[in-house]
C-alpha cells in the first residue's frame, strides 16, 4: 500500500460507515470481537442467497458485472 492510497481507503470506509444499515455491521466487523468478521461474511453470503431466491438470475449476474470494472482497475493498478 502506498502513502497516496491511504486517504482514499479512509474516505471509502467513512462513506460506508455513513450508511445507517451498514454502519452497525461494519463497526462490529472492524472493531468488535475476533469472530465478528466471519459472521459479517456469513451475513453477506446469506443476503446474496436470499436475493438469488427472491430475484433469480439477475441477482447472480449483477455482482459479476460490477466486479468487471473493479478487476480492470486492479489490473491497471498492478501493472503500473
PDB file of N, CA and C in Angstrom:
ATOM      1  N   UNK A   1       0.853  -1.174   0.000  1.00  0.00           N
ATOM      2  CA  UNK A   1       0.000   0.000   0.000  1.00  0.00           C
ATOM      3  C   UNK A   1       0.894   1.231   0.000  1.00  0.00           C
ATOM      4  N   UNK A   2       0.613   2.155  -0.880  1.00  0.00           N
ATOM      5  CA  UNK A   2       1.407   3.371  -0.945  1.00  0.00           C
ATOM      6  C   UNK A   2       0.793   4.440  -0.051  1.00  0.00           C
ATOM      7  N   UNK A   3       1.551   5.489   0.150  1.00  0.00           N
ATOM      8  CA  UNK A   3       1.082   6.569   1.020  1.00  0.00           C
ATOM      9  C   UNK A   3      -0.065   7.334   0.385  1.00  0.00           C
ATOM     10  N   UNK A   4      -0.140   7.347  -0.940  1.00  0.00           N
ATOM     11  CA  UNK A   4      -1.211   8.097  -1.595  1.00  0.00           C
ATOM     12  C   UNK A   4      -2.534   7.357  -1.572  1.00  0.00           C
ATOM     13  N   UNK A   5      -2.542   6.047  -1.364  1.00  0.00           N
ATOM     14  CA  UNK A   5      -3.791   5.295  -1.359  1.00  0.00           C
ATOM     15  C   UNK A   5      -4.448   5.264   0.017  1.00  0.00           C
ATOM     16  N   UNK A   6      -3.726   5.615   1.071  1.00  0.00           N
ATOM     17  CA  UNK A   6      -4.279   5.567   2.418  1.00  0.00           C
ATOM     18  C   UNK A   6      -5.461   6.515   2.605  1.00  0.00           C
ATOM     19  N   UNK A   7      -5.426   7.791   2.163  1.00  0.00           N
ATOM     20  CA  UNK A   7      -6.590   8.650   2.356  1.00  0.00           C
ATOM     21  C   UNK A   7      -7.816   8.173   1.564  1.00  0.00           C
ATOM     22  N   UNK A   8      -7.607   7.543   0.411  1.00  0.00           N
ATOM     23  CA  UNK A   8      -8.733   7.034  -0.364  1.00  0.00           C
ATOM     24  C   UNK A   8      -9.440   5.922   0.392  1.00  0.00           C
ATOM     25  N   UNK A   9      -8.674   5.037   1.018  1.00  0.00           N
ATOM     26  CA  UNK A   9      -9.267   3.946   1.775  1.00  0.00           C
ATOM     27  C   UNK A   9     -10.043   4.472   2.977  1.00  0.00           C
ATOM     28  N   UNK A  10      -9.514   5.486   3.620  1.00  0.00           N
ATOM     29  CA  UNK A  10     -10.208   6.070   4.760  1.00  0.00           C
ATOM     30  C   UNK A  10     -11.507   6.726   4.304  1.00  0.00           C
ATOM     31  N   UNK A  11     -11.496   7.388   3.148  1.00  0.00           N
ATOM     32  CA  UNK A  11     -12.698   8.023   2.625  1.00  0.00           C
ATOM     33  C   UNK A  11     -13.761   6.986   2.291  1.00  0.00           C
ATOM     34  N   UNK A  12     -13.358   5.886   1.664  1.00  0.00           N
ATOM     35  CA  UNK A  12     -14.315   4.831   1.327  1.00  0.00           C
ATOM     36  C   UNK A  12     -14.904   4.233   2.596  1.00  0.00           C
ATOM     37  N   UNK A  13     -14.069   4.001   3.597  1.00  0.00           N
ATOM     38  CA  UNK A  13     -14.560   3.462   4.861  1.00  0.00           C
ATOM     39  C   UNK A  13     -15.520   4.431   5.534  1.00  0.00           C
ATOM     40  N   UNK A  14     -15.203   5.715   5.522  1.00  0.00           N
ATOM     41  CA  UNK A  14     -16.094   6.714   6.122  1.00  0.00           C
ATOM     42  C   UNK A  14     -17.424   6.789   5.385  1.00  0.00           C
ATOM     43  N   UNK A  15     -17.390   6.653   4.048  1.00  0.00           N
ATOM     44  CA  UNK A  15     -18.640   6.667   3.280  1.00  0.00           C
ATOM     45  C   UNK A  15     -19.484   5.434   3.584  1.00  0.00           C
ATOM     46  N   UNK A  16     -18.849   4.283   3.705  1.00  0.00           N
ATOM     47  CA  UNK A  16     -19.600   3.072   4.033  1.00  0.00           C
ATOM     48  C   UNK A  16     -20.169   3.129   5.444  1.00  0.00           C
ATOM     49  N   UNK A  17     -19.421   3.713   6.365  1.00  0.00           N
ATOM     50  CA  UNK A  17     -19.921   3.835   7.730  1.00  0.00           C
ATOM     51  C   UNK A  17     -21.020   4.885   7.853  1.00  0.00           C
ATOM     52  N   UNK A  18     -21.160   5.751   6.857  1.00  0.00           N
ATOM     53  CA  UNK A  18     -22.218   6.758   6.886  1.00  0.00           C
ATOM     54  C   UNK A  18     -23.578   6.179   6.518  1.00  0.00           C
ATOM     55  N   UNK A  19     -23.596   5.013   5.885  1.00  0.00           N
ATOM     56  CA  UNK A  19     -24.862   4.355   5.544  1.00  0.00           C
ATOM     57  C   UNK A  19     -25.405   3.706   6.818  1.00  0.00           C
ATOM     58  N   UNK A  20     -26.619   4.080   7.243  1.00  0.00           N
ATOM     59  CA  UNK A  20     -27.104   3.615   8.546  1.00  0.00           C
ATOM     60  C   UNK A  20     -27.196   2.101   8.696  1.00  0.00           C
ATOM     61  N   UNK A  21     -27.625   1.386   7.673  1.00  0.00           N
ATOM     62  CA  UNK A  21     -27.780  -0.065   7.802  1.00  0.00           C
ATOM     63  C   UNK A  21     -26.413  -0.746   7.866  1.00  0.00           C
ATOM     64  N   UNK A  22     -25.485  -0.306   7.036  1.00  0.00           N
ATOM     65  CA  UNK A  22     -24.153  -0.910   7.030  1.00  0.00           C
ATOM     66  C   UNK A  22     -23.332  -0.515   8.249  1.00  0.00           C
ATOM     67  N   UNK A  23     -23.667   0.610   8.852  1.00  0.00           N
ATOM     68  CA  UNK A  23     -22.896   1.132   9.973  1.00  0.00           C
ATOM     69  C   UNK A  23     -22.801   0.119  11.110  1.00  0.00           C
ATOM     70  N   UNK A  24     -23.910  -0.473  11.492  1.00  0.00           N
ATOM     71  CA  UNK A  24     -23.905  -1.416  12.607  1.00  0.00           C
ATOM     72  C   UNK A  24     -23.057  -2.643  12.307  1.00  0.00           C
ATOM     73  N   UNK A  25     -23.212  -3.185  11.110  1.00  0.00           N
ATOM     74  CA  UNK A  25     -22.489  -4.405  10.762  1.00  0.00           C
ATOM     75  C   UNK A  25     -21.001  -4.146  10.565  1.00  0.00           C
ATOM     76  N   UNK A  26     -20.660  -3.043   9.890  1.00  0.00           N
ATOM     77  CA  UNK A  26     -19.248  -2.756   9.631  1.00  0.00           C
ATOM     78  C   UNK A  26     -18.492  -2.395  10.901  1.00  0.00           C
ATOM     79  N   UNK A  27     -19.118  -1.630  11.790  1.00  0.00           N
ATOM     80  CA  UNK A  27     -18.438  -1.294  13.045  1.00  0.00           C
ATOM     81  C   UNK A  27     -18.149  -2.551  13.853  1.00  0.00           C
ATOM     82  N   UNK A  28     -19.120  -3.453  13.876  1.00  0.00           N
ATOM     83  CA  UNK A  28     -18.911  -4.695  14.621  1.00  0.00           C
ATOM     84  C   UNK A  28     -17.822  -5.543  13.970  1.00  0.00           C
ATOM     85  N   UNK A  29     -17.798  -5.581  12.629  1.00  0.00           N
ATOM     86  CA  UNK A  29     -16.783  -6.384  11.935  1.00  0.00           C
ATOM     87  C   UNK A  29     -15.385  -5.784  12.101  1.00  0.00           C
ATOM     88  N   UNK A  30     -15.294  -4.456  12.108  1.00  0.00           N
ATOM     89  CA  UNK A  30     -13.986  -3.814  12.203  1.00  0.00           C
ATOM     90  C   UNK A  30     -13.458  -3.740  13.630  1.00  0.00           C
ATOM     91  N   UNK A  31     -14.318  -3.395  14.563  1.00  0.00           N
ATOM     92  CA  UNK A  31     -13.859  -3.098  15.914  1.00  0.00           C
ATOM     93  C   UNK A  31     -14.385  -4.068  16.960  1.00  0.00           C
ATOM     94  N   UNK A  32     -15.193  -5.040  16.554  1.00  0.00           N
ATOM     95  CA  UNK A  32     -15.806  -5.967  17.501  1.00  0.00           C
ATOM     96  C   UNK A  32     -14.911  -7.144  17.824  1.00  0.00           C
ATOM     97  N   UNK A  33     -15.562  -8.227  18.202  1.00  0.00           N
ATOM     98  CA  UNK A  33     -14.841  -9.448  18.564  1.00  0.00           C
ATOM     99  C   UNK A  33     -14.132 -10.028  17.345  1.00  0.00           C
ATOM    100  N   UNK A  34     -13.235 -10.956  17.611  1.00  0.00           N
ATOM    101  CA  UNK A  34     -12.430 -11.517  16.532  1.00  0.00           C
ATOM    102  C   UNK A  34     -13.267 -12.321  15.539  1.00  0.00           C
ATOM    103  N   UNK A  35     -14.292 -13.004  16.006  1.00  0.00           N
ATOM    104  CA  UNK A  35     -15.104 -13.808  15.101  1.00  0.00           C
ATOM    105  C   UNK A  35     -16.202 -12.997  14.411  1.00  0.00           C
ATOM    106  N   UNK A  36     -16.307 -11.717  14.705  1.00  0.00           N
ATOM    107  CA  UNK A  36     -17.340 -10.880  14.076  1.00  0.00           C
ATOM    108  C   UNK A  36     -17.112 -10.734  12.574  1.00  0.00           C
ATOM    109  N   UNK A  37     -15.860 -10.786  12.139  1.00  0.00           N
ATOM    110  CA  UNK A  37     -15.554 -10.703  10.703  1.00  0.00           C
ATOM    111  C   UNK A  37     -16.165 -11.879   9.956  1.00  0.00           C
ATOM    112  N   UNK A  38     -16.077 -13.059  10.561  1.00  0.00           N
ATOM    113  CA  UNK A  38     -16.616 -14.253   9.917  1.00  0.00           C
ATOM    114  C   UNK A  38     -18.141 -14.214   9.873  1.00  0.00           C
ATOM    115  N   UNK A  39     -18.758 -13.692  10.922  1.00  0.00           N
ATOM    116  CA  UNK A  39     -20.214 -13.549  10.920  1.00  0.00           C
ATOM    117  C   UNK A  39     -20.655 -12.518   9.888  1.00  0.00           C
ATOM    118  N   UNK A  40     -19.861 -11.462   9.696  1.00  0.00           N
ATOM    119  CA  UNK A  40     -20.174 -10.456   8.684  1.00  0.00           C
ATOM    120  C   UNK A  40     -20.143 -11.068   7.287  1.00  0.00           C
ATOM    121  N   UNK A  41     -19.117 -11.872   7.010  1.00  0.00           N
ATOM    122  CA  UNK A  41     -19.023 -12.532   5.705  1.00  0.00           C
ATOM    123  C   UNK A  41     -20.174 -13.527   5.532  1.00  0.00           C
ATOM    124  N   UNK A  42     -20.526 -14.246   6.590  1.00  0.00           N
ATOM    125  CA  UNK A  42     -21.658 -15.177   6.515  1.00  0.00           C
ATOM    126  C   UNK A  42     -22.963 -14.424   6.262  1.00  0.00           C
ATOM    127  N   UNK A  43     -23.127 -13.265   6.888  1.00  0.00           N
ATOM    128  CA  UNK A  43     -24.335 -12.459   6.649  1.00  0.00           C
ATOM    129  C   UNK A  43     -24.409 -11.978   5.206  1.00  0.00           C
ATOM    130  N   UNK A  44     -23.283 -11.547   4.654  1.00  0.00           N
ATOM    131  CA  UNK A  44     -23.280 -11.127   3.245  1.00  0.00           C
ATOM    132  C   UNK A  44     -23.638 -12.286   2.321  1.00  0.00           C
ATOM    133  N   UNK A  45     -23.107 -13.475   2.600  1.00  0.00           N
ATOM    134  CA  UNK A  45     -23.430 -14.645   1.780  1.00  0.00           C
ATOM    135  C   UNK A  45     -24.906 -15.005   1.889  1.00  0.00           C
ATOM    136  N   UNK A  46     -25.464 -14.900   3.086  1.00  0.00           N
ATOM    137  CA  UNK A  46     -26.889 -15.211   3.255  1.00  0.00           C
ATOM    138  C   UNK A  46     -27.776 -14.176   2.576  1.00  0.00           C
ATOM    139  N   UNK A  47     -27.390 -12.901   2.626  1.00  0.00           N
ATOM    140  CA  UNK A  47     -28.158 -11.866   1.927  1.00  0.00           C
ATOM    141  C   UNK A  47     -28.130 -12.119   0.432  1.00  0.00           C
ATOM    142  N   UNK A  48     -26.977 -12.536  -0.079  1.00  0.00           N
ATOM    143  CA  UNK A  48     -26.871 -12.834  -1.502  1.00  0.00           C
ATOM    144  C   UNK A  48     -27.720 -14.052  -1.862  1.00  0.00           C
ATOM    145  N   UNK A  49     -27.706 -15.085  -1.018  1.00  0.00           N
ATOM    146  CA  UNK A  49     -28.514 -16.282  -1.281  1.00  0.00           C
ATOM    147  C   UNK A  49     -30.009 -15.967  -1.258  1.00  0.00           C
ATOM    148  N   UNK A  50     -30.431 -15.151  -0.313  1.00  0.00           N
ATOM    149  CA  UNK A  50     -31.850 -14.774  -0.252  1.00  0.00           C
ATOM    150  C   UNK A  50     -32.241 -13.931  -1.465  1.00  0.00           C
ATOM    151  N   UNK A  51     -31.335 -13.052  -1.906  1.00  0.00           N
ATOM    152  CA  UNK A  51     -31.656 -12.252  -3.088  1.00  0.00           C
ATOM    153  C   UNK A  51     -31.710 -13.121  -4.341  1.00  0.00           C
ATOM    154  N   UNK A  52     -30.912 -14.182  -4.403  1.00  0.00           N
ATOM    155  CA  UNK A  52     -30.995 -15.114  -5.536  1.00  0.00           C
ATOM    156  C   UNK A  52     -32.334 -15.838  -5.510  1.00  0.00           C
ATOM    157  N   UNK A  53     -32.773 -16.237  -4.325  1.00  0.00           N
ATOM    158  CA  UNK A  53     -34.085 -16.899  -4.220  1.00  0.00           C
ATOM    159  C   UNK A  53     -35.217 -15.943  -4.579  1.00  0.00           C
ATOM    160  N   UNK A  54     -35.084 -14.679  -4.206  1.00  0.00           N
ATOM    161  CA  UNK A  54     -36.163 -13.720  -4.452  1.00  0.00           C
ATOM    162  C   UNK A  54     -36.169 -13.189  -5.880  1.00  0.00           C
ATOM    163  N   UNK A  55     -34.989 -12.895  -6.438  1.00  0.00           N
ATOM    164  CA  UNK A  55     -34.923 -12.233  -7.741  1.00  0.00           C
ATOM    165  C   UNK A  55     -34.420 -13.142  -8.861  1.00  0.00           C
ATOM    166  N   UNK A  56     -33.812 -14.257  -8.511  1.00  0.00           N
ATOM    167  CA  UNK A  56     -33.376 -15.209  -9.513  1.00  0.00           C
ATOM    168  C   UNK A  56     -32.046 -14.858 -10.150  1.00  0.00           C
ATOM    169  N   UNK A  57     -31.978 -15.110 -11.449  1.00  0.00           N
ATOM    170  CA  UNK A  57     -30.743 -14.993 -12.223  1.00  0.00           C
ATOM    171  C   UNK A  57     -30.093 -13.604 -12.170  1.00  0.00           C
ATOM    172  N   UNK A  58     -30.863 -12.487 -12.191  1.00  0.00           N
ATOM    173  CA  UNK A  58     -30.207 -11.169 -12.110  1.00  0.00           C
ATOM    174  C   UNK A  58     -29.398 -10.956 -10.835  1.00  0.00           C
ATOM    175  N   UNK A  59     -29.772 -11.606  -9.751  1.00  0.00           N
ATOM    176  CA  UNK A  59     -29.009 -11.461  -8.506  1.00  0.00           C
ATOM    177  C   UNK A  59     -27.642 -12.127  -8.612  1.00  0.00           C
ATOM    178  N   UNK A  60     -27.473 -13.054  -9.545  1.00  0.00           N
ATOM    179  CA  UNK A  60     -26.174 -13.678  -9.762  1.00  0.00           C
ATOM    180  C   UNK A  60     -25.348 -12.841 -10.735  1.00  0.00           C
ATOM    181  N   UNK A  61     -26.005 -12.300 -11.769  1.00  0.00           N
ATOM    182  CA  UNK A  61     -25.309 -11.600 -12.840  1.00  0.00           C
ATOM    183  C   UNK A  61     -24.835 -10.208 -12.404  1.00  0.00           C
ATOM    184  N   UNK A  62     -25.639  -9.460 -11.672  1.00  0.00           N
ATOM    185  CA  UNK A  62     -25.280  -8.081 -11.331  1.00  0.00           C
ATOM    186  C   UNK A  62     -24.006  -7.959 -10.496  1.00  0.00           C
ATOM    187  N   UNK A  63     -23.774  -8.786  -9.487  1.00  0.00           N
ATOM    188  CA  UNK A  63     -22.473  -8.683  -8.798  1.00  0.00           C
ATOM    189  C   UNK A  63     -21.293  -8.996  -9.708  1.00  0.00           C
ATOM    190  N   UNK A  64     -21.467  -9.943 -10.620  1.00  0.00           N
ATOM    191  CA  UNK A  64     -20.377 -10.265 -11.548  1.00  0.00           C
ATOM    192  C   UNK A  64     -20.108  -9.094 -12.484  1.00  0.00           C
ATOM    193  N   UNK A  65     -21.160  -8.435 -12.938  1.00  0.00           N
ATOM    194  CA  UNK A  65     -20.975  -7.284 -13.823  1.00  0.00           C
ATOM    195  C   UNK A  65     -20.342  -6.100 -13.105  1.00  0.00           C
ATOM    196  N   UNK A  66     -20.607  -5.948 -11.829  1.00  0.00           N
ATOM    197  CA  UNK A  66     -19.982  -4.854 -11.085  1.00  0.00           C
ATOM    198  C   UNK A  66     -18.522  -5.154 -10.756  1.00  0.00           C
ATOM    199  N   UNK A  67     -18.157  -6.431 -10.729  1.00  0.00           N
ATOM    200  CA  UNK A  67     -16.767  -6.770 -10.439  1.00  0.00           C
ATOM    201  C   UNK A  67     -15.845  -6.610 -11.648  1.00  0.00           C
ATOM    202  N   UNK A  68     -16.392  -6.573 -12.851  1.00  0.00           N
ATOM    203  CA  UNK A  68     -15.565  -6.446 -14.047  1.00  0.00           C
ATOM    204  C   UNK A  68     -14.775  -5.134 -14.059  1.00  0.00           C
ATOM    205  N   UNK A  69     -15.402  -3.960 -13.877  1.00  0.00           N
ATOM    206  CA  UNK A  69     -14.591  -2.729 -13.837  1.00  0.00           C
ATOM    207  C   UNK A  69     -13.596  -2.716 -12.682  1.00  0.00           C
ATOM    208  N   UNK A  70     -13.980  -3.287 -11.541  1.00  0.00           N
ATOM    209  CA  UNK A  70     -13.050  -3.336 -10.413  1.00  0.00           C
ATOM    210  C   UNK A  70     -11.850  -4.207 -10.750  1.00  0.00           C
ATOM    211  N   UNK A  71     -12.055  -5.292 -11.469  1.00  0.00           N
ATOM    212  CA  UNK A  71     -10.945  -6.155 -11.867  1.00  0.00           C
ATOM    213  C   UNK A  71     -10.028  -5.441 -12.854  1.00  0.00           C
ATOM    214  N   UNK A  72     -10.621  -4.701 -13.801  1.00  0.00           N
ATOM    215  CA  UNK A  72      -9.803  -3.942 -14.744  1.00  0.00           C
ATOM    216  C   UNK A  72      -8.974  -2.882 -14.021  1.00  0.00           C
ATOM    217  N   UNK A  73      -9.571  -2.187 -13.068  1.00  0.00           N
ATOM    218  CA  UNK A  73      -8.834  -1.176 -12.310  1.00  0.00           C
ATOM    219  C   UNK A  73      -7.734  -1.819 -11.482  1.00  0.00           C
ATOM    220  N   UNK A  74      -7.991  -2.990 -10.939  1.00  0.00           N
ATOM    221  CA  UNK A  74      -6.972  -3.702 -10.177  1.00  0.00           C
ATOM    222  C   UNK A  74      -5.807  -4.091 -11.081  1.00  0.00           C
ATOM    223  N   UNK A  75      -6.123  -4.567 -12.288  1.00  0.00           N
ATOM    224  CA  UNK A  75      -5.064  -4.942 -13.233  1.00  0.00           C
ATOM    225  C   UNK A  75      -4.228  -3.714 -13.617  1.00  0.00           C
ATOM    226  N   UNK A  76      -4.894  -2.590 -13.867  1.00  0.00           N
ATOM    227  CA  UNK A  76      -4.160  -1.375 -14.191  1.00  0.00           C
ATOM    228  C   UNK A  76      -3.288  -0.915 -13.027  1.00  0.00           C
ATOM    229  N   UNK A  77      -3.792  -1.044 -11.827  1.00  0.00           N
ATOM    230  CA  UNK A  77      -3.024  -0.627 -10.654  1.00  0.00           C
ATOM    231  C   UNK A  77      -1.813  -1.532 -10.454  1.00  0.00           C
ATOM    232  N   UNK A  78      -1.958  -2.816 -10.693  1.00  0.00           N
ATOM    233  CA  UNK A  78      -0.858  -3.745 -10.526  1.00  0.00           C
ATOM    234  C   UNK A  78       0.197  -3.520 -11.606  1.00  0.00           C
ATOM    235  N   UNK A  79      -0.222  -3.207 -12.811  1.00  0.00           N
ATOM    236  CA  UNK A  79       0.712  -3.069 -13.929  1.00  0.00           C
ATOM    237  C   UNK A  79       1.481  -1.753 -13.925  1.00  0.00           C
ATOM    238  N   UNK A  80       1.075  -0.797 -13.123  1.00  0.00           N
ATOM    239  CA  UNK A  80       1.801   0.485 -13.110  1.00  0.00           C
ATOM    240  C   UNK A  80       3.127   0.374 -12.483  1.00  0.00           C
TER     241      UNK A  80
END
